[in-house]
N, C-alpha and C. Protein backbone atom coordinates (compact mmCIF):
# COMPACT_ATOMS: atom_id res chain seq x y z
N MET A 1 70.63 80.62 41.32
CA MET A 1 70.17 79.25 41.48
C MET A 1 68.79 79.07 40.88
N SER A 2 68.42 79.91 39.93
CA SER A 2 67.09 79.88 39.36
C SER A 2 66.76 78.53 38.75
N GLY A 3 65.61 77.97 39.16
CA GLY A 3 65.15 76.72 38.61
C GLY A 3 65.90 75.49 39.10
N GLN A 4 66.79 75.65 40.08
CA GLN A 4 67.56 74.53 40.57
C GLN A 4 66.74 73.67 41.53
N PRO A 5 66.85 72.34 41.43
CA PRO A 5 66.08 71.48 42.34
C PRO A 5 66.61 71.55 43.77
N VAL A 6 65.72 71.46 44.71
CA VAL A 6 66.09 71.39 46.12
C VAL A 6 65.39 70.20 46.75
N SER A 7 66.03 69.66 47.78
CA SER A 7 65.44 68.57 48.56
C SER A 7 64.92 69.16 49.86
N LEU A 8 63.72 68.77 50.24
CA LEU A 8 63.11 69.29 51.45
C LEU A 8 63.03 68.19 52.50
N GLY A 9 63.57 68.45 53.67
CA GLY A 9 63.46 67.52 54.79
C GLY A 9 62.51 68.07 55.83
N VAL A 10 61.61 67.23 56.31
CA VAL A 10 60.63 67.62 57.33
C VAL A 10 60.80 66.69 58.53
N ASP A 11 61.04 67.27 59.69
CA ASP A 11 61.26 66.48 60.90
C ASP A 11 60.20 66.81 61.94
N LEU A 12 59.56 65.76 62.47
CA LEU A 12 58.59 65.91 63.56
C LEU A 12 59.30 65.53 64.86
N GLY A 13 59.80 66.53 65.56
CA GLY A 13 60.51 66.28 66.80
C GLY A 13 59.58 66.24 67.99
N THR A 14 60.14 66.09 69.16
CA THR A 14 59.34 66.00 70.38
C THR A 14 58.67 67.32 70.72
N THR A 15 59.35 68.45 70.44
CA THR A 15 58.79 69.75 70.82
C THR A 15 58.68 70.73 69.66
N SER A 16 59.11 70.34 68.46
CA SER A 16 58.98 71.25 67.33
C SER A 16 59.03 70.49 66.02
N ALA A 17 58.43 71.11 64.99
CA ALA A 17 58.53 70.61 63.62
C ALA A 17 59.52 71.48 62.89
N LYS A 18 60.38 70.86 62.11
CA LYS A 18 61.42 71.60 61.39
C LYS A 18 61.40 71.21 59.92
N ALA A 19 61.61 72.19 59.06
CA ALA A 19 61.69 71.94 57.62
C ALA A 19 62.92 72.65 57.08
N VAL A 20 63.69 71.96 56.25
CA VAL A 20 64.89 72.55 55.67
C VAL A 20 64.99 72.15 54.20
N ALA A 21 65.27 73.13 53.36
CA ALA A 21 65.44 72.91 51.93
C ALA A 21 66.92 73.04 51.59
N CYS A 22 67.46 72.04 50.89
CA CYS A 22 68.88 72.02 50.56
C CYS A 22 69.08 71.87 49.05
N ALA A 23 70.09 72.56 48.54
CA ALA A 23 70.47 72.42 47.14
C ALA A 23 71.21 71.10 46.95
N VAL A 24 71.47 70.75 45.69
CA VAL A 24 72.11 69.47 45.41
C VAL A 24 73.53 69.40 45.95
N ASP A 25 74.15 70.56 46.19
CA ASP A 25 75.50 70.57 46.75
C ASP A 25 75.50 70.61 48.27
N GLY A 26 74.31 70.50 48.86
CA GLY A 26 74.20 70.46 50.31
C GLY A 26 73.98 71.79 50.99
N ARG A 27 74.03 72.88 50.24
CA ARG A 27 73.80 74.20 50.84
C ARG A 27 72.35 74.35 51.29
N VAL A 28 72.16 74.92 52.49
CA VAL A 28 70.82 75.18 53.00
C VAL A 28 70.26 76.40 52.28
N VAL A 29 69.12 76.22 51.64
CA VAL A 29 68.47 77.29 50.89
C VAL A 29 67.43 78.00 51.74
N ALA A 30 66.70 77.23 52.55
CA ALA A 30 65.66 77.82 53.41
C ALA A 30 65.38 76.86 54.55
N GLU A 31 64.94 77.40 55.66
CA GLU A 31 64.55 76.56 56.79
C GLU A 31 63.53 77.28 57.64
N ALA A 32 62.72 76.50 58.36
CA ALA A 32 61.69 77.07 59.22
C ALA A 32 61.35 76.05 60.30
N SER A 33 60.81 76.53 61.39
CA SER A 33 60.41 75.63 62.48
C SER A 33 59.20 76.19 63.19
N GLU A 34 58.45 75.30 63.82
CA GLU A 34 57.27 75.67 64.62
C GLU A 34 57.30 74.83 65.89
N ARG A 35 57.13 75.48 67.03
CA ARG A 35 57.16 74.76 68.30
C ARG A 35 55.76 74.30 68.70
N TYR A 36 55.73 73.24 69.50
CA TYR A 36 54.50 72.77 70.13
C TYR A 36 54.89 72.12 71.45
N GLY A 37 53.93 71.89 72.28
CA GLY A 37 54.25 71.40 73.62
C GLY A 37 53.74 70.00 73.88
N VAL A 38 54.02 69.52 75.08
CA VAL A 38 53.48 68.26 75.56
C VAL A 38 52.72 68.54 76.85
N THR A 39 51.80 67.66 77.19
CA THR A 39 51.06 67.78 78.44
C THR A 39 51.23 66.50 79.24
N SER A 40 51.13 66.64 80.55
CA SER A 40 51.25 65.48 81.44
C SER A 40 50.10 65.54 82.44
N PRO A 41 48.93 65.04 82.06
CA PRO A 41 47.76 65.14 82.93
C PRO A 41 47.86 64.32 84.21
N ARG A 42 48.70 63.28 84.18
CA ARG A 42 48.92 62.45 85.36
C ARG A 42 50.37 61.99 85.34
N PRO A 43 50.93 61.61 86.50
CA PRO A 43 52.30 61.10 86.50
C PRO A 43 52.46 59.93 85.52
N GLY A 44 53.48 60.01 84.69
CA GLY A 44 53.75 58.96 83.71
C GLY A 44 53.04 59.14 82.39
N TYR A 45 52.08 60.07 82.31
CA TYR A 45 51.37 60.34 81.07
C TYR A 45 52.02 61.51 80.37
N VAL A 46 52.40 61.34 79.11
CA VAL A 46 52.99 62.43 78.34
C VAL A 46 52.34 62.42 76.96
N GLU A 47 51.51 63.43 76.70
CA GLU A 47 50.65 63.45 75.53
C GLU A 47 50.87 64.69 74.67
N GLN A 48 50.38 64.62 73.44
CA GLN A 48 50.34 65.77 72.55
C GLN A 48 49.04 65.78 71.77
N ASP A 49 48.68 66.96 71.27
CA ASP A 49 47.56 67.12 70.36
C ASP A 49 48.08 66.83 68.96
N ALA A 50 47.65 65.72 68.37
CA ALA A 50 48.16 65.33 67.06
C ALA A 50 47.86 66.37 65.99
N ASN A 51 46.69 67.00 66.06
CA ASN A 51 46.35 68.02 65.07
C ASN A 51 47.23 69.25 65.21
N ALA A 52 47.60 69.60 66.43
CA ALA A 52 48.48 70.75 66.64
C ALA A 52 49.86 70.48 66.04
N VAL A 53 50.35 69.26 66.20
CA VAL A 53 51.64 68.90 65.61
C VAL A 53 51.55 68.95 64.08
N TYR A 54 50.46 68.42 63.54
CA TYR A 54 50.28 68.42 62.10
C TYR A 54 50.25 69.85 61.54
N LEU A 55 49.51 70.73 62.18
CA LEU A 55 49.44 72.11 61.71
C LEU A 55 50.79 72.80 61.80
N ALA A 56 51.53 72.54 62.87
CA ALA A 56 52.86 73.14 63.01
C ALA A 56 53.78 72.66 61.90
N ALA A 57 53.73 71.37 61.59
CA ALA A 57 54.58 70.83 60.52
C ALA A 57 54.19 71.41 59.17
N THR A 58 52.90 71.57 58.94
CA THR A 58 52.42 72.13 57.67
C THR A 58 52.86 73.57 57.51
N ARG A 59 52.75 74.35 58.59
CA ARG A 59 53.17 75.76 58.51
C ARG A 59 54.68 75.88 58.28
N ALA A 60 55.47 75.09 59.00
CA ALA A 60 56.92 75.15 58.82
C ALA A 60 57.31 74.74 57.40
N THR A 61 56.67 73.71 56.89
CA THR A 61 56.96 73.26 55.54
C THR A 61 56.59 74.31 54.51
N ALA A 62 55.42 74.93 54.68
CA ALA A 62 54.98 75.96 53.73
C ALA A 62 55.95 77.13 53.71
N ARG A 63 56.45 77.53 54.88
CA ARG A 63 57.39 78.66 54.93
C ARG A 63 58.70 78.30 54.25
N ALA A 64 59.18 77.09 54.49
CA ALA A 64 60.45 76.68 53.87
C ALA A 64 60.31 76.60 52.35
N ILE A 65 59.20 76.07 51.86
CA ILE A 65 58.99 76.00 50.41
C ILE A 65 58.87 77.40 49.81
N HIS A 66 58.15 78.27 50.50
CA HIS A 66 57.99 79.65 50.02
C HIS A 66 59.34 80.35 49.89
N ASP A 67 60.15 80.23 50.95
CA ASP A 67 61.45 80.91 50.94
C ASP A 67 62.39 80.30 49.90
N ALA A 68 62.33 78.97 49.76
CA ALA A 68 63.17 78.33 48.76
C ALA A 68 62.77 78.76 47.35
N THR A 69 61.48 78.90 47.12
CA THR A 69 61.00 79.32 45.80
C THR A 69 61.43 80.75 45.49
N LEU A 70 61.38 81.62 46.49
CA LEU A 70 61.82 83.00 46.29
C LEU A 70 63.30 83.06 45.92
N ARG A 71 64.06 82.07 46.39
CA ARG A 71 65.49 82.04 46.08
C ARG A 71 65.78 81.26 44.79
N GLY A 72 64.75 80.94 44.03
CA GLY A 72 64.94 80.30 42.74
C GLY A 72 64.96 78.79 42.78
N GLY A 73 64.61 78.21 43.91
CA GLY A 73 64.63 76.76 44.01
C GLY A 73 63.27 76.14 43.69
N GLU A 74 63.31 74.88 43.32
CA GLU A 74 62.08 74.12 43.05
C GLU A 74 62.19 72.79 43.76
N VAL A 75 61.21 72.51 44.65
CA VAL A 75 61.27 71.29 45.45
C VAL A 75 61.11 70.07 44.55
N ALA A 76 62.10 69.18 44.58
CA ALA A 76 62.08 67.98 43.76
C ALA A 76 61.70 66.74 44.55
N VAL A 77 61.99 66.76 45.84
CA VAL A 77 61.73 65.58 46.66
C VAL A 77 61.55 66.03 48.11
N ILE A 78 60.71 65.30 48.85
CA ILE A 78 60.49 65.57 50.27
C ILE A 78 60.78 64.30 51.05
N GLY A 79 61.57 64.45 52.11
CA GLY A 79 61.85 63.34 53.01
C GLY A 79 61.34 63.65 54.40
N PHE A 80 60.93 62.62 55.13
CA PHE A 80 60.35 62.81 56.46
C PHE A 80 61.15 62.06 57.51
N SER A 81 61.28 62.67 58.68
CA SER A 81 61.79 61.96 59.85
C SER A 81 60.90 62.32 61.03
N SER A 82 60.96 61.49 62.06
CA SER A 82 60.03 61.69 63.17
C SER A 82 60.56 61.02 64.42
N ALA A 83 60.20 61.58 65.56
CA ALA A 83 60.43 60.89 66.83
C ALA A 83 59.65 59.57 66.80
N MET A 84 60.25 58.52 67.33
CA MET A 84 59.64 57.19 67.25
C MET A 84 58.76 56.88 68.47
N HIS A 85 58.11 55.72 68.41
CA HIS A 85 57.42 55.08 69.53
C HIS A 85 56.09 55.72 69.91
N GLY A 86 55.62 56.74 69.18
CA GLY A 86 54.35 57.37 69.52
C GLY A 86 53.16 56.66 68.91
N LEU A 87 51.96 56.95 69.43
CA LEU A 87 50.76 56.28 68.97
C LEU A 87 49.54 57.17 69.17
N VAL A 88 48.69 57.23 68.14
CA VAL A 88 47.44 57.97 68.25
C VAL A 88 46.33 57.15 67.60
N PRO A 89 45.16 57.03 68.25
CA PRO A 89 44.03 56.32 67.64
C PRO A 89 43.29 57.23 66.67
N MET A 90 42.92 56.68 65.49
CA MET A 90 42.28 57.46 64.45
C MET A 90 40.93 56.87 64.09
N ASP A 91 39.99 57.73 63.68
CA ASP A 91 38.70 57.23 63.24
C ASP A 91 38.71 56.92 61.74
N GLU A 92 37.56 56.56 61.21
CA GLU A 92 37.45 56.17 59.81
C GLU A 92 37.83 57.29 58.86
N GLN A 93 37.61 58.55 59.28
CA GLN A 93 37.89 59.70 58.44
C GLN A 93 39.33 60.21 58.58
N GLY A 94 40.13 59.54 59.39
CA GLY A 94 41.51 59.97 59.57
C GLY A 94 41.67 61.09 60.57
N GLU A 95 40.74 61.15 61.55
CA GLU A 95 40.82 62.16 62.60
C GLU A 95 41.16 61.50 63.93
N PRO A 96 42.01 62.14 64.75
CA PRO A 96 42.34 61.58 66.06
C PRO A 96 41.12 61.50 66.96
N ILE A 97 41.00 60.41 67.69
CA ILE A 97 39.91 60.28 68.67
C ILE A 97 40.47 60.17 70.09
N GLY A 98 41.71 60.53 70.24
CA GLY A 98 42.36 60.53 71.54
C GLY A 98 43.68 61.26 71.42
N PRO A 99 44.36 61.48 72.52
CA PRO A 99 45.65 62.16 72.47
C PRO A 99 46.72 61.27 71.85
N PHE A 100 47.76 61.92 71.33
CA PHE A 100 48.94 61.22 70.85
C PHE A 100 49.79 60.87 72.07
N LEU A 101 50.08 59.58 72.25
CA LEU A 101 50.91 59.13 73.37
C LEU A 101 52.36 59.14 72.90
N THR A 102 53.17 60.02 73.45
CA THR A 102 54.54 60.21 72.99
C THR A 102 55.46 59.10 73.48
N TRP A 103 56.69 59.13 72.97
CA TRP A 103 57.68 58.14 73.39
C TRP A 103 57.98 58.23 74.87
N MET A 104 57.73 59.38 75.48
CA MET A 104 58.01 59.56 76.91
C MET A 104 56.93 58.98 77.81
N ASP A 105 55.78 58.63 77.24
CA ASP A 105 54.66 58.15 78.03
C ASP A 105 54.98 56.77 78.63
N ARG A 106 54.72 56.62 79.92
CA ARG A 106 55.06 55.38 80.63
C ARG A 106 53.84 54.72 81.27
N ARG A 107 52.66 55.04 80.81
CA ARG A 107 51.46 54.49 81.44
C ARG A 107 51.37 52.96 81.31
N ALA A 108 52.07 52.40 80.32
CA ALA A 108 52.01 50.95 80.10
C ALA A 108 53.14 50.20 80.80
N ALA A 109 53.72 50.81 81.83
CA ALA A 109 54.88 50.20 82.50
C ALA A 109 54.57 48.82 83.07
N ALA A 110 53.40 48.66 83.68
CA ALA A 110 53.05 47.37 84.28
C ALA A 110 52.92 46.29 83.22
N ILE A 111 52.42 46.64 82.05
CA ILE A 111 52.28 45.68 80.96
C ILE A 111 53.65 45.23 80.48
N ALA A 112 54.55 46.18 80.26
CA ALA A 112 55.90 45.83 79.82
C ALA A 112 56.59 44.94 80.84
N GLN A 113 56.44 45.25 82.12
CA GLN A 113 57.08 44.45 83.16
C GLN A 113 56.53 43.03 83.19
N ALA A 114 55.22 42.90 83.04
CA ALA A 114 54.61 41.56 83.04
C ALA A 114 55.14 40.72 81.89
N TRP A 115 55.34 41.33 80.73
CA TRP A 115 55.87 40.58 79.58
C TRP A 115 57.35 40.25 79.75
N HIS A 116 58.07 41.08 80.50
CA HIS A 116 59.44 40.71 80.86
C HIS A 116 59.42 39.48 81.77
N ASP A 117 58.53 39.50 82.75
CA ASP A 117 58.51 38.46 83.76
C ASP A 117 58.11 37.10 83.22
N ASP A 118 57.20 37.06 82.24
CA ASP A 118 56.71 35.76 81.75
C ASP A 118 57.44 35.25 80.51
N GLY A 119 58.47 35.98 80.07
CA GLY A 119 59.26 35.52 78.94
C GLY A 119 58.80 36.02 77.59
N THR A 120 57.66 36.69 77.55
CA THR A 120 57.14 37.22 76.29
C THR A 120 58.10 38.22 75.67
N ALA A 121 58.69 39.06 76.49
CA ALA A 121 59.59 40.11 76.00
C ALA A 121 60.77 39.51 75.24
N ALA A 122 61.40 38.51 75.80
CA ALA A 122 62.55 37.90 75.16
C ALA A 122 62.16 37.22 73.85
N ARG A 123 61.00 36.58 73.85
CA ARG A 123 60.54 35.88 72.65
C ARG A 123 60.27 36.87 71.51
N LEU A 124 59.61 37.97 71.81
CA LEU A 124 59.32 38.97 70.80
C LEU A 124 60.60 39.68 70.33
N TYR A 125 61.50 39.93 71.26
CA TYR A 125 62.75 40.62 70.90
C TYR A 125 63.53 39.86 69.84
N ALA A 126 63.48 38.55 69.90
CA ALA A 126 64.21 37.73 68.93
C ALA A 126 63.72 37.97 67.50
N ARG A 127 62.46 38.37 67.36
CA ARG A 127 61.92 38.61 66.01
C ARG A 127 61.82 40.09 65.67
N THR A 128 61.49 40.91 66.64
CA THR A 128 61.25 42.33 66.36
C THR A 128 62.47 43.21 66.57
N GLY A 129 63.41 42.77 67.40
CA GLY A 129 64.57 43.59 67.71
C GLY A 129 64.28 44.78 68.58
N ALA A 130 63.05 44.86 69.11
CA ALA A 130 62.65 46.00 69.95
C ALA A 130 62.64 45.57 71.41
N PRO A 131 63.54 46.09 72.25
CA PRO A 131 63.52 45.74 73.66
C PRO A 131 62.20 46.15 74.29
N MET A 132 61.63 45.28 75.10
CA MET A 132 60.34 45.58 75.72
C MET A 132 60.46 46.79 76.64
N HIS A 133 59.57 47.76 76.44
CA HIS A 133 59.61 49.02 77.18
C HIS A 133 58.22 49.64 77.12
N PRO A 134 57.82 50.40 78.16
CA PRO A 134 56.50 51.03 78.14
C PRO A 134 56.26 51.94 76.95
N MET A 135 57.33 52.48 76.34
CA MET A 135 57.15 53.42 75.24
C MET A 135 56.69 52.73 73.95
N LEU A 136 56.87 51.41 73.84
CA LEU A 136 56.53 50.73 72.60
C LEU A 136 55.03 50.84 72.29
N PRO A 137 54.66 51.14 71.05
CA PRO A 137 53.25 51.11 70.67
C PRO A 137 52.57 49.78 70.99
N LEU A 138 53.30 48.67 70.94
CA LEU A 138 52.74 47.39 71.34
C LEU A 138 52.15 47.48 72.74
N CYS A 139 52.91 48.01 73.69
CA CYS A 139 52.45 48.14 75.07
C CYS A 139 51.32 49.16 75.19
N LYS A 140 51.44 50.25 74.45
CA LYS A 140 50.40 51.28 74.48
C LYS A 140 49.07 50.73 73.96
N LEU A 141 49.13 49.91 72.91
CA LEU A 141 47.90 49.31 72.39
C LEU A 141 47.24 48.42 73.42
N ARG A 142 48.02 47.61 74.10
CA ARG A 142 47.46 46.73 75.13
C ARG A 142 46.84 47.56 76.25
N TRP A 143 47.51 48.68 76.60
CA TRP A 143 46.96 49.55 77.65
C TRP A 143 45.64 50.15 77.19
N LEU A 144 45.57 50.64 75.97
CA LEU A 144 44.33 51.22 75.46
C LEU A 144 43.21 50.19 75.45
N ALA A 145 43.51 48.97 75.04
CA ALA A 145 42.50 47.92 74.99
C ALA A 145 41.95 47.61 76.37
N THR A 146 42.82 47.72 77.38
CA THR A 146 42.42 47.39 78.75
C THR A 146 41.78 48.56 79.48
N GLU A 147 42.37 49.75 79.33
CA GLU A 147 41.96 50.90 80.13
C GLU A 147 41.00 51.86 79.41
N MET A 148 41.01 51.85 78.08
CA MET A 148 40.12 52.73 77.32
C MET A 148 39.45 51.91 76.21
N PRO A 149 38.67 50.89 76.60
CA PRO A 149 38.13 49.97 75.60
C PRO A 149 37.20 50.63 74.58
N ASP A 150 36.47 51.67 74.97
CA ASP A 150 35.58 52.34 74.02
C ASP A 150 36.38 53.00 72.90
N THR A 151 37.44 53.73 73.28
CA THR A 151 38.30 54.36 72.29
C THR A 151 39.00 53.32 71.44
N PHE A 152 39.49 52.26 72.08
CA PHE A 152 40.19 51.20 71.37
C PHE A 152 39.29 50.55 70.32
N THR A 153 38.05 50.27 70.69
CA THR A 153 37.12 49.62 69.77
C THR A 153 36.70 50.55 68.64
N ARG A 154 36.53 51.83 68.97
CA ARG A 154 36.06 52.80 67.97
C ARG A 154 37.15 53.15 66.97
N ALA A 155 38.41 53.03 67.35
CA ALA A 155 39.52 53.42 66.47
C ALA A 155 39.58 52.50 65.26
N ARG A 156 39.68 53.11 64.09
CA ARG A 156 39.86 52.34 62.86
C ARG A 156 41.32 51.99 62.63
N ARG A 157 42.20 52.86 63.14
CA ARG A 157 43.62 52.70 62.86
C ARG A 157 44.44 53.33 63.98
N PHE A 158 45.64 52.81 64.20
CA PHE A 158 46.57 53.35 65.18
C PHE A 158 47.86 53.70 64.46
N VAL A 159 48.31 54.95 64.59
CA VAL A 159 49.43 55.41 63.77
C VAL A 159 50.37 56.31 64.56
N SER A 160 51.51 56.59 63.94
CA SER A 160 52.45 57.60 64.44
C SER A 160 52.14 58.94 63.81
N LEU A 161 52.77 59.99 64.30
CA LEU A 161 52.56 61.32 63.71
C LEU A 161 53.06 61.38 62.27
N LYS A 162 54.13 60.67 61.98
CA LYS A 162 54.66 60.65 60.61
C LYS A 162 53.64 60.04 59.65
N GLU A 163 53.01 58.96 60.07
CA GLU A 163 51.99 58.33 59.24
C GLU A 163 50.80 59.27 59.02
N LEU A 164 50.42 59.98 60.07
CA LEU A 164 49.30 60.92 59.96
C LEU A 164 49.63 62.02 58.96
N LEU A 165 50.83 62.58 59.05
CA LEU A 165 51.24 63.64 58.14
C LEU A 165 51.25 63.15 56.70
N VAL A 166 51.86 62.00 56.47
CA VAL A 166 51.94 61.47 55.11
C VAL A 166 50.53 61.17 54.56
N PHE A 167 49.65 60.64 55.40
CA PHE A 167 48.28 60.37 54.94
C PHE A 167 47.57 61.65 54.50
N ARG A 168 47.70 62.69 55.29
CA ARG A 168 46.99 63.93 54.96
C ARG A 168 47.58 64.63 53.75
N TRP A 169 48.83 64.36 53.45
CA TRP A 169 49.45 64.98 52.27
C TRP A 169 49.34 64.11 51.03
N THR A 170 49.14 62.81 51.19
CA THR A 170 49.15 61.92 50.03
C THR A 170 47.89 61.07 49.90
N GLY A 171 47.12 60.94 50.98
CA GLY A 171 45.95 60.08 50.95
C GLY A 171 46.26 58.61 51.16
N ARG A 172 47.51 58.28 51.54
CA ARG A 172 47.92 56.89 51.75
C ARG A 172 48.35 56.66 53.19
N TRP A 173 47.88 55.55 53.76
CA TRP A 173 48.38 55.12 55.05
C TRP A 173 49.59 54.22 54.79
N CYS A 174 50.78 54.74 54.96
CA CYS A 174 51.98 53.93 54.74
C CYS A 174 52.97 54.19 55.86
N ILE A 175 53.89 53.26 56.00
CA ILE A 175 54.87 53.33 57.09
C ILE A 175 56.20 52.80 56.57
N ASP A 176 57.30 53.41 57.02
CA ASP A 176 58.61 52.91 56.61
C ASP A 176 59.12 51.90 57.64
N HIS A 177 60.16 51.18 57.26
CA HIS A 177 60.68 50.13 58.14
C HIS A 177 61.26 50.70 59.43
N GLY A 178 61.77 51.94 59.38
CA GLY A 178 62.32 52.54 60.59
C GLY A 178 61.28 52.73 61.67
N ILE A 179 60.17 53.37 61.30
CA ILE A 179 59.09 53.58 62.28
C ILE A 179 58.47 52.25 62.67
N ALA A 180 58.27 51.35 61.70
CA ALA A 180 57.67 50.04 62.01
C ALA A 180 58.52 49.26 63.01
N SER A 181 59.84 49.32 62.84
CA SER A 181 60.73 48.55 63.71
C SER A 181 60.73 49.06 65.15
N ALA A 182 60.24 50.27 65.36
CA ALA A 182 60.20 50.85 66.70
C ALA A 182 58.87 50.60 67.41
N THR A 183 57.98 49.83 66.79
CA THR A 183 56.67 49.59 67.39
C THR A 183 56.64 48.39 68.32
N GLY A 184 57.59 47.46 68.14
CA GLY A 184 57.50 46.19 68.86
C GLY A 184 56.56 45.21 68.20
N LEU A 185 56.05 45.58 67.02
CA LEU A 185 55.06 44.76 66.31
C LEU A 185 55.56 44.23 64.97
N PHE A 186 56.80 44.56 64.60
CA PHE A 186 57.30 44.29 63.26
C PHE A 186 58.37 43.22 63.27
N ASP A 187 58.15 42.16 62.52
CA ASP A 187 59.13 41.08 62.38
C ASP A 187 60.20 41.55 61.39
N LEU A 188 61.42 41.73 61.88
CA LEU A 188 62.49 42.30 61.05
C LEU A 188 62.92 41.37 59.93
N GLN A 189 62.91 40.08 60.17
CA GLN A 189 63.35 39.14 59.14
C GLN A 189 62.27 38.92 58.08
N ALA A 190 61.04 38.73 58.52
CA ALA A 190 59.94 38.48 57.58
C ALA A 190 59.45 39.76 56.92
N ARG A 191 59.80 40.92 57.49
CA ARG A 191 59.36 42.22 56.97
C ARG A 191 57.83 42.31 56.90
N ARG A 192 57.21 41.94 58.01
CA ARG A 192 55.75 42.06 58.11
C ARG A 192 55.39 42.18 59.59
N TRP A 193 54.15 42.57 59.83
CA TRP A 193 53.67 42.65 61.21
C TRP A 193 53.68 41.26 61.83
N ASP A 194 54.16 41.18 63.06
CA ASP A 194 54.33 39.91 63.76
C ASP A 194 52.99 39.43 64.32
N GLU A 195 52.62 38.20 64.02
CA GLU A 195 51.31 37.68 64.41
C GLU A 195 51.14 37.61 65.92
N GLU A 196 52.15 37.17 66.64
CA GLU A 196 52.03 37.09 68.10
C GLU A 196 51.89 38.49 68.70
N ALA A 197 52.69 39.43 68.21
CA ALA A 197 52.61 40.80 68.73
C ALA A 197 51.24 41.41 68.45
N LEU A 198 50.71 41.17 67.27
CA LEU A 198 49.37 41.67 66.94
C LEU A 198 48.33 41.10 67.90
N ALA A 199 48.43 39.81 68.18
CA ALA A 199 47.47 39.18 69.09
C ALA A 199 47.58 39.76 70.49
N LEU A 200 48.80 39.99 70.95
CA LEU A 200 48.99 40.58 72.27
C LEU A 200 48.42 42.00 72.33
N ALA A 201 48.57 42.74 71.23
CA ALA A 201 48.07 44.11 71.17
C ALA A 201 46.55 44.15 71.00
N GLY A 202 45.98 43.07 70.50
CA GLY A 202 44.54 43.03 70.29
C GLY A 202 44.08 43.65 68.99
N VAL A 203 44.98 43.71 67.99
CA VAL A 203 44.64 44.29 66.69
C VAL A 203 45.03 43.33 65.59
N ASP A 204 44.47 43.54 64.40
CA ASP A 204 44.97 42.84 63.23
C ASP A 204 45.67 43.85 62.34
N ALA A 205 46.34 43.36 61.30
CA ALA A 205 47.18 44.22 60.47
C ALA A 205 46.40 45.31 59.77
N SER A 206 45.10 45.12 59.57
CA SER A 206 44.29 46.13 58.88
C SER A 206 44.14 47.41 59.69
N ARG A 207 44.45 47.36 60.98
CA ARG A 207 44.34 48.56 61.82
C ARG A 207 45.69 49.27 61.97
N LEU A 208 46.70 48.78 61.25
CA LEU A 208 48.00 49.43 61.18
C LEU A 208 48.26 49.83 59.74
N SER A 209 49.24 50.68 59.54
CA SER A 209 49.53 51.12 58.18
C SER A 209 50.22 50.02 57.38
N GLY A 210 50.04 50.10 56.05
CA GLY A 210 50.67 49.14 55.17
C GLY A 210 51.78 49.81 54.40
N GLY A 211 51.56 50.00 53.10
CA GLY A 211 52.54 50.69 52.28
C GLY A 211 53.86 49.95 52.23
N ALA A 212 54.91 50.59 52.73
CA ALA A 212 56.26 50.03 52.63
C ALA A 212 56.36 48.67 53.29
N VAL A 213 55.66 48.49 54.41
CA VAL A 213 55.71 47.20 55.10
C VAL A 213 55.10 46.12 54.23
N ASP A 214 53.92 46.38 53.68
CA ASP A 214 53.26 45.39 52.84
C ASP A 214 54.06 45.13 51.57
N ASP A 215 54.63 46.18 50.99
CA ASP A 215 55.38 46.02 49.75
C ASP A 215 56.59 45.13 49.91
N ALA A 216 57.15 45.09 51.13
CA ALA A 216 58.38 44.33 51.35
C ALA A 216 58.10 42.91 51.84
N SER A 217 56.84 42.59 52.11
CA SER A 217 56.53 41.26 52.65
C SER A 217 56.37 40.23 51.55
């Protein structure tokens, strides 16, 4: 298979990062994984160290590329997948200034319930397609603004782990429609960040990733 192109898939799961290289006929050429954990400092809080996840993904990817190269493959394309609904605040330099709040985190439960009760949830669902739930980044942003105002104000950007990984590998803050649609902030029909959701979260679009979302608007 000398010099044959391979496709590399990188997945950021809840407890591990996985990388797999496949030939054009679908055969697995190389694969690697790195585990990481979650912490729960209080009931309902489920967090991760964003840098630890990034390093695990980088190591798994490097091993898969190395092994694929030894088998005569050459990486032609890289695709990414990731667990949805997570959020981490980032500073101007692209460094986390707080823990990554995973999809399992429920600290924003009261916020989600209040929006169900006053009709906000149904109104947003009609545009975003995201059922109101504490795991939504929309709810997490409102919680951060209320409960951790210093961190919220200091953060230049709020992103998922997939966005963080892509930024560090490419220098671009971009997001795909799949991850965007899981935030509760994305208007599916207009293909842009929803103005009402942004106002509820207390952010403007400049504090979220652009890229694919902006290109499609």
